[in-house]
Amino acid sequence: MSEDSIRVEYTDYALRRMRQRDILDEEVMLALRAPSSKHTHRRDGRSEVRQRMGKGFLLVIYRRDREAIVVINAMWD
């Protein structure tokens, strides 16, 4: 995501799963903004991005609207 001004929000589910999986907010933000990451648009209106991190690949599932990016889930892949 090249736009630094877009707000990023998290669902309660995403925050809970991130805590369980030891995923930091900074790691999710890097995955969303990293130019080397690949964004895939799904048929259900959600998008996903994978980014190589020290612990493996981080998969972030999100949806984007006019006001914000909403992180739905994040997991090590």
Protein backbone atom coordinates (compact mmCIF):
# COMPACT_ATOMS: atom_id res chain seq x y z
CA MET A 1 0.00 0.00 0.00
CA SER A 2 1.79 3.09 -1.11
CA GLU A 3 -0.62 5.46 0.60
CA ASP A 4 0.70 6.30 4.05
CA SER A 5 -2.42 8.27 4.92
CA ILE A 6 -4.86 5.33 4.80
CA ARG A 7 -5.99 4.17 8.22
CA VAL A 8 -5.50 0.52 9.20
CA GLU A 9 -8.00 -1.09 11.56
CA TYR A 10 -8.20 -4.59 13.00
CA THR A 11 -11.19 -6.77 13.73
CA ASP A 12 -11.37 -8.19 17.25
CA TYR A 13 -10.85 -11.61 15.71
CA ALA A 14 -7.66 -10.49 13.94
CA LEU A 15 -6.23 -9.00 17.13
CA ARG A 16 -6.99 -12.14 19.12
CA ARG A 17 -5.42 -14.42 16.50
CA MET A 18 -2.37 -12.15 16.14
CA ARG A 19 -1.75 -12.41 19.90
CA GLN A 20 -2.09 -16.20 19.77
CA ARG A 21 0.30 -16.42 16.83
CA ASP A 22 2.87 -13.90 18.10
CA ILE A 23 2.31 -11.55 15.17
CA LEU A 24 3.16 -7.92 15.75
CA ASP A 25 1.27 -4.93 14.38
CA GLU A 26 4.54 -3.78 12.80
CA GLU A 27 4.81 -7.06 10.91
CA VAL A 28 1.27 -6.70 9.53
CA MET A 29 1.97 -3.10 8.51
CA LEU A 30 5.17 -4.13 6.75
CA ALA A 31 3.31 -6.87 4.87
CA LEU A 32 0.63 -4.40 3.78
CA ARG A 33 3.11 -1.73 2.66
CA ALA A 34 6.07 -3.74 1.35
CA PRO A 35 6.50 -3.30 -2.40
CA SER A 36 7.80 -6.86 -2.75
CA SER A 37 4.60 -8.34 -1.33
CA LYS A 38 1.93 -9.71 -3.62
CA HIS A 39 -1.68 -8.59 -3.25
CA THR A 40 -4.31 -11.07 -4.37
CA HIS A 41 -7.95 -10.06 -4.72
CA ARG A 42 -10.42 -12.78 -3.79
CA ARG A 43 -13.94 -13.33 -5.08
CA ASP A 44 -15.44 -12.59 -1.66
CA GLY A 45 -14.24 -8.98 -1.79
CA ARG A 46 -11.29 -9.56 0.49
CA SER A 47 -7.65 -9.32 -0.44
CA GLU A 48 -4.60 -11.07 0.86
CA VAL A 49 -0.91 -10.39 0.93
CA ARG A 50 2.05 -12.63 1.73
CA GLN A 51 5.35 -11.25 2.87
CA ARG A 52 8.55 -13.09 3.75
CA MET A 53 9.58 -12.41 7.33
CA GLY A 54 12.23 -13.93 9.58
CA LYS A 55 9.69 -16.45 10.93
CA GLY A 56 8.46 -17.51 7.47
CA PHE A 57 5.71 -16.05 5.32
CA LEU A 58 3.10 -13.81 6.90
CA LEU A 59 -0.36 -14.02 5.32
CA VAL A 60 -2.64 -11.06 5.97
CA ILE A 61 -6.29 -11.09 4.89
CA TYR A 62 -7.98 -7.70 4.69
CA ARG A 63 -10.68 -5.67 3.04
CA ARG A 64 -10.36 -2.12 1.88
CA ASP A 65 -13.02 0.55 1.79
CA ARG A 66 -12.84 4.29 1.22
CA GLU A 67 -11.93 5.05 4.80
CA ALA A 68 -9.61 2.27 5.92
CA ILE A 69 -7.95 -1.07 5.44
CA VAL A 70 -9.55 -3.56 7.80
CA VAL A 71 -7.34 -6.51 8.76
CA ILE A 72 -9.53 -9.59 9.11
CA ASN A 73 -6.89 -12.20 9.91
CA ALA A 74 -3.14 -12.72 10.00
CA MET A 75 -1.24 -15.99 10.18
CA TRP A 76 2.11 -17.61 9.51
CA ASP A 77 1.98 -19.52 6.26
